[in-house]
Amino acid sequence: MHWLFLFFALACFAVVFKTTSLGVAALCLLLALVFALAWVMGLVNARVASRTRDEVQMVDPAELRRLREQAQARKPPPSAP
């Protein structure tokens, strides 16, 4: 979806180069800026979303406590000198 914003920004730039009206050129430049910013934000959003962890893999506090207790039970007792 965010690639459409890039296409729209490029289309606005093409209109700027082809038009002879100053008002249309200014409007299209403004639209091109908005579409370019929307494209960048969509690109960043897609990248962040692809790197997030799955919530199913997160450990809840009760499971973390159980794992700590298991790890402490496996440790050998400290030897007295």
N, C-alpha and C. Protein backbone atom coordinates (compact mmCIF):
# COMPACT_ATOMS: atom_id res chain seq x y z
N MET A 1 0.82 -1.19 0.00
CA MET A 1 0.00 0.00 0.00
C MET A 1 0.86 1.25 0.00
N HIS A 2 1.95 1.23 0.78
CA HIS A 2 2.76 2.44 0.85
C HIS A 2 3.47 2.74 -0.47
N TRP A 3 3.58 1.75 -1.34
CA TRP A 3 4.21 2.00 -2.64
C TRP A 3 3.31 2.86 -3.52
N LEU A 4 2.01 2.85 -3.27
CA LEU A 4 1.11 3.71 -4.01
C LEU A 4 1.40 5.19 -3.74
N PHE A 5 1.79 5.49 -2.51
CA PHE A 5 2.14 6.87 -2.18
C PHE A 5 3.34 7.34 -2.98
N LEU A 6 4.31 6.46 -3.18
CA LEU A 6 5.46 6.82 -4.01
C LEU A 6 5.02 7.08 -5.44
N PHE A 7 4.15 6.23 -5.95
CA PHE A 7 3.63 6.43 -7.31
C PHE A 7 2.90 7.76 -7.42
N PHE A 8 2.07 8.08 -6.43
CA PHE A 8 1.33 9.35 -6.46
C PHE A 8 2.27 10.55 -6.38
N ALA A 9 3.31 10.43 -5.57
CA ALA A 9 4.29 11.53 -5.47
C ALA A 9 5.00 11.74 -6.81
N LEU A 10 5.38 10.67 -7.46
CA LEU A 10 6.04 10.79 -8.77
C LEU A 10 5.07 11.34 -9.81
N ALA A 11 3.81 10.96 -9.73
CA ALA A 11 2.81 11.50 -10.66
C ALA A 11 2.64 12.99 -10.45
N CYS A 12 2.64 13.42 -9.19
CA CYS A 12 2.54 14.86 -8.91
C CYS A 12 3.75 15.61 -9.45
N PHE A 13 4.94 15.04 -9.32
CA PHE A 13 6.12 15.68 -9.89
C PHE A 13 6.03 15.76 -11.41
N ALA A 14 5.49 14.74 -12.03
CA ALA A 14 5.32 14.76 -13.49
C ALA A 14 4.36 15.87 -13.90
N VAL A 15 3.30 16.06 -13.13
CA VAL A 15 2.35 17.14 -13.43
C VAL A 15 3.03 18.49 -13.25
N VAL A 16 3.88 18.62 -12.26
CA VAL A 16 4.60 19.89 -12.03
C VAL A 16 5.46 20.24 -13.24
N PHE A 17 6.13 19.25 -13.80
CA PHE A 17 7.00 19.51 -14.94
C PHE A 17 6.22 19.81 -16.22
N LYS A 18 5.00 19.31 -16.31
CA LYS A 18 4.21 19.48 -17.53
C LYS A 18 3.29 20.71 -17.51
N THR A 19 2.95 21.22 -16.34
CA THR A 19 1.96 22.29 -16.25
C THR A 19 2.58 23.66 -16.52
N THR A 20 1.73 24.58 -16.94
CA THR A 20 2.18 25.96 -17.14
C THR A 20 1.56 26.88 -16.10
N SER A 21 0.68 26.36 -15.27
CA SER A 21 0.01 27.16 -14.25
C SER A 21 0.81 27.11 -12.95
N LEU A 22 1.06 28.26 -12.39
CA LEU A 22 1.82 28.34 -11.14
C LEU A 22 1.04 27.76 -9.97
N GLY A 23 -0.26 27.99 -9.94
CA GLY A 23 -1.09 27.45 -8.86
C GLY A 23 -1.13 25.93 -8.86
N VAL A 24 -1.30 25.34 -10.05
CA VAL A 24 -1.32 23.87 -10.16
C VAL A 24 0.05 23.30 -9.78
N ALA A 25 1.11 23.99 -10.20
CA ALA A 25 2.45 23.53 -9.86
C ALA A 25 2.68 23.56 -8.35
N ALA A 26 2.25 24.64 -7.69
CA ALA A 26 2.43 24.74 -6.24
C ALA A 26 1.61 23.68 -5.52
N LEU A 27 0.39 23.47 -5.98
CA LEU A 27 -0.46 22.45 -5.36
C LEU A 27 0.14 21.05 -5.54
N CYS A 28 0.62 20.77 -6.72
CA CYS A 28 1.21 19.45 -6.99
C CYS A 28 2.51 19.25 -6.22
N LEU A 29 3.29 20.30 -6.04
CA LEU A 29 4.50 20.18 -5.23
C LEU A 29 4.14 19.88 -3.77
N LEU A 30 3.12 20.54 -3.28
CA LEU A 30 2.67 20.27 -1.92
C LEU A 30 2.16 18.84 -1.79
N LEU A 31 1.36 18.41 -2.75
CA LEU A 31 0.87 17.03 -2.73
C LEU A 31 2.00 16.02 -2.85
N ALA A 32 2.99 16.33 -3.67
CA ALA A 32 4.14 15.43 -3.81
C ALA A 32 4.88 15.30 -2.49
N LEU A 33 5.02 16.41 -1.77
CA LEU A 33 5.68 16.36 -0.46
C LEU A 33 4.87 15.50 0.51
N VAL A 34 3.56 15.70 0.53
CA VAL A 34 2.71 14.92 1.44
C VAL A 34 2.77 13.44 1.09
N PHE A 35 2.68 13.12 -0.20
CA PHE A 35 2.73 11.71 -0.61
C PHE A 35 4.10 11.10 -0.32
N ALA A 36 5.16 11.86 -0.50
CA ALA A 36 6.50 11.34 -0.21
C ALA A 36 6.66 11.05 1.28
N LEU A 37 6.14 11.95 2.12
CA LEU A 37 6.20 11.72 3.56
C LEU A 37 5.35 10.51 3.96
N ALA A 38 4.19 10.37 3.34
CA ALA A 38 3.34 9.21 3.64
C ALA A 38 4.04 7.92 3.21
N TRP A 39 4.74 7.97 2.08
CA TRP A 39 5.47 6.78 1.62
C TRP A 39 6.57 6.40 2.60
N VAL A 40 7.33 7.39 3.06
CA VAL A 40 8.42 7.11 4.00
C VAL A 40 7.86 6.56 5.31
N MET A 41 6.77 7.16 5.80
CA MET A 41 6.18 6.67 7.04
C MET A 41 5.64 5.24 6.87
N GLY A 42 5.06 4.95 5.72
CA GLY A 42 4.59 3.59 5.46
C GLY A 42 5.73 2.60 5.37
N LEU A 43 6.83 3.03 4.76
CA LEU A 43 8.01 2.18 4.66
C LEU A 43 8.59 1.87 6.04
N VAL A 44 8.68 2.89 6.88
CA VAL A 44 9.18 2.70 8.24
C VAL A 44 8.24 1.80 9.03
N ASN A 45 6.94 2.03 8.87
CA ASN A 45 5.96 1.20 9.57
C ASN A 45 6.08 -0.26 9.16
N ALA A 46 6.25 -0.52 7.89
CA ALA A 46 6.38 -1.90 7.41
C ALA A 46 7.66 -2.53 7.95
N ARG A 47 8.72 -1.77 8.02
CA ARG A 47 9.99 -2.32 8.52
C ARG A 47 9.90 -2.63 10.01
N VAL A 48 9.30 -1.73 10.77
CA VAL A 48 9.16 -1.97 12.21
C VAL A 48 8.23 -3.16 12.46
N ALA A 49 7.15 -3.24 11.70
CA ALA A 49 6.21 -4.35 11.88
C ALA A 49 6.83 -5.70 11.55
N SER A 50 7.78 -5.71 10.62
CA SER A 50 8.41 -6.98 10.26
C SER A 50 9.42 -7.43 11.30
N ARG A 51 9.86 -6.52 12.16
CA ARG A 51 10.88 -6.86 13.16
C ARG A 51 10.32 -7.07 14.56
N THR A 52 9.02 -6.91 14.76
CA THR A 52 8.47 -7.08 16.09
C THR A 52 8.35 -8.56 16.43
N ARG A 53 8.43 -8.84 17.72
CA ARG A 53 8.32 -10.22 18.18
C ARG A 53 6.86 -10.63 18.24
N ASP A 54 6.64 -11.91 18.10
CA ASP A 54 5.31 -12.45 18.24
C ASP A 54 4.96 -12.48 19.72
N GLU A 55 3.78 -12.03 20.07
CA GLU A 55 3.39 -11.97 21.48
C GLU A 55 3.23 -13.35 22.09
N VAL A 56 3.04 -14.36 21.28
CA VAL A 56 2.90 -15.72 21.78
C VAL A 56 4.23 -16.20 22.37
N GLN A 57 5.34 -15.72 21.84
CA GLN A 57 6.65 -16.17 22.29
C GLN A 57 7.12 -15.47 23.57
N MET A 58 6.41 -14.43 23.99
CA MET A 58 6.81 -13.71 25.20
C MET A 58 6.51 -14.55 26.44
N VAL A 59 7.38 -14.43 27.44
CA VAL A 59 7.25 -15.21 28.67
C VAL A 59 6.51 -14.38 29.71
N ASP A 60 5.49 -14.95 30.31
CA ASP A 60 4.76 -14.22 31.34
C ASP A 60 5.50 -14.36 32.68
N PRO A 61 5.17 -13.51 33.66
CA PRO A 61 5.92 -13.54 34.93
C PRO A 61 5.86 -14.88 35.65
N ALA A 62 4.75 -15.57 35.61
CA ALA A 62 4.65 -16.86 36.30
C ALA A 62 5.59 -17.89 35.66
N GLU A 63 5.64 -17.89 34.33
CA GLU A 63 6.55 -18.82 33.64
C GLU A 63 8.01 -18.45 33.92
N LEU A 64 8.31 -17.16 33.98
CA LEU A 64 9.68 -16.72 34.28
C LEU A 64 10.09 -17.14 35.69
N ARG A 65 9.19 -17.01 36.64
CA ARG A 65 9.48 -17.44 38.01
C ARG A 65 9.73 -18.94 38.05
N ARG A 66 8.94 -19.72 37.34
CA ARG A 66 9.12 -21.17 37.31
C ARG A 66 10.47 -21.54 36.70
N LEU A 67 10.86 -20.84 35.64
CA LEU A 67 12.16 -21.12 35.01
C LEU A 67 13.31 -20.76 35.93
N ARG A 68 13.18 -19.67 36.70
CA ARG A 68 14.23 -19.31 37.65
C ARG A 68 14.37 -20.36 38.75
N GLU A 69 13.24 -20.83 39.23
CA GLU A 69 13.28 -21.85 40.28
C GLU A 69 13.93 -23.13 39.77
N GLN A 70 13.64 -23.50 38.53
CA GLN A 70 14.28 -24.68 37.95
C GLN A 70 15.78 -24.49 37.81
N ALA A 71 16.20 -23.30 37.39
CA ALA A 71 17.63 -23.03 37.22
C ALA A 71 18.34 -23.04 38.57
N GLN A 72 17.71 -22.50 39.60
CA GLN A 72 18.33 -22.51 40.92
C GLN A 72 18.39 -23.92 41.49
N ALA A 73 17.40 -24.74 41.18
CA ALA A 73 17.40 -26.12 41.68
C ALA A 73 18.50 -26.94 41.01
N ARG A 74 18.89 -26.59 39.80
CA ARG A 74 19.94 -27.32 39.09
C ARG A 74 21.34 -26.93 39.55
N LYS A 75 21.48 -25.75 40.18
CA LYS A 75 22.79 -25.32 40.63
C LYS A 75 23.30 -26.21 41.76
N PRO A 76 24.57 -26.54 41.72
CA PRO A 76 25.11 -27.32 42.84
C PRO A 76 25.22 -26.41 44.08
N PRO A 77 25.00 -26.95 45.25
CA PRO A 77 25.12 -26.11 46.47
C PRO A 77 26.56 -25.66 46.64
N PRO A 78 26.77 -24.47 47.17
CA PRO A 78 28.15 -24.00 47.36
C PRO A 78 28.86 -24.83 48.42
N SER A 79 30.09 -25.17 48.13
CA SER A 79 30.85 -26.02 49.07
C SER A 79 31.48 -25.14 50.14
N ALA A 80 31.40 -25.60 51.39
CA ALA A 80 31.99 -24.85 52.52
C ALA A 80 33.48 -25.18 52.60
N PRO A 81 34.33 -24.17 52.82
CA PRO A 81 35.79 -24.47 52.93
C PRO A 81 36.20 -25.06 54.22
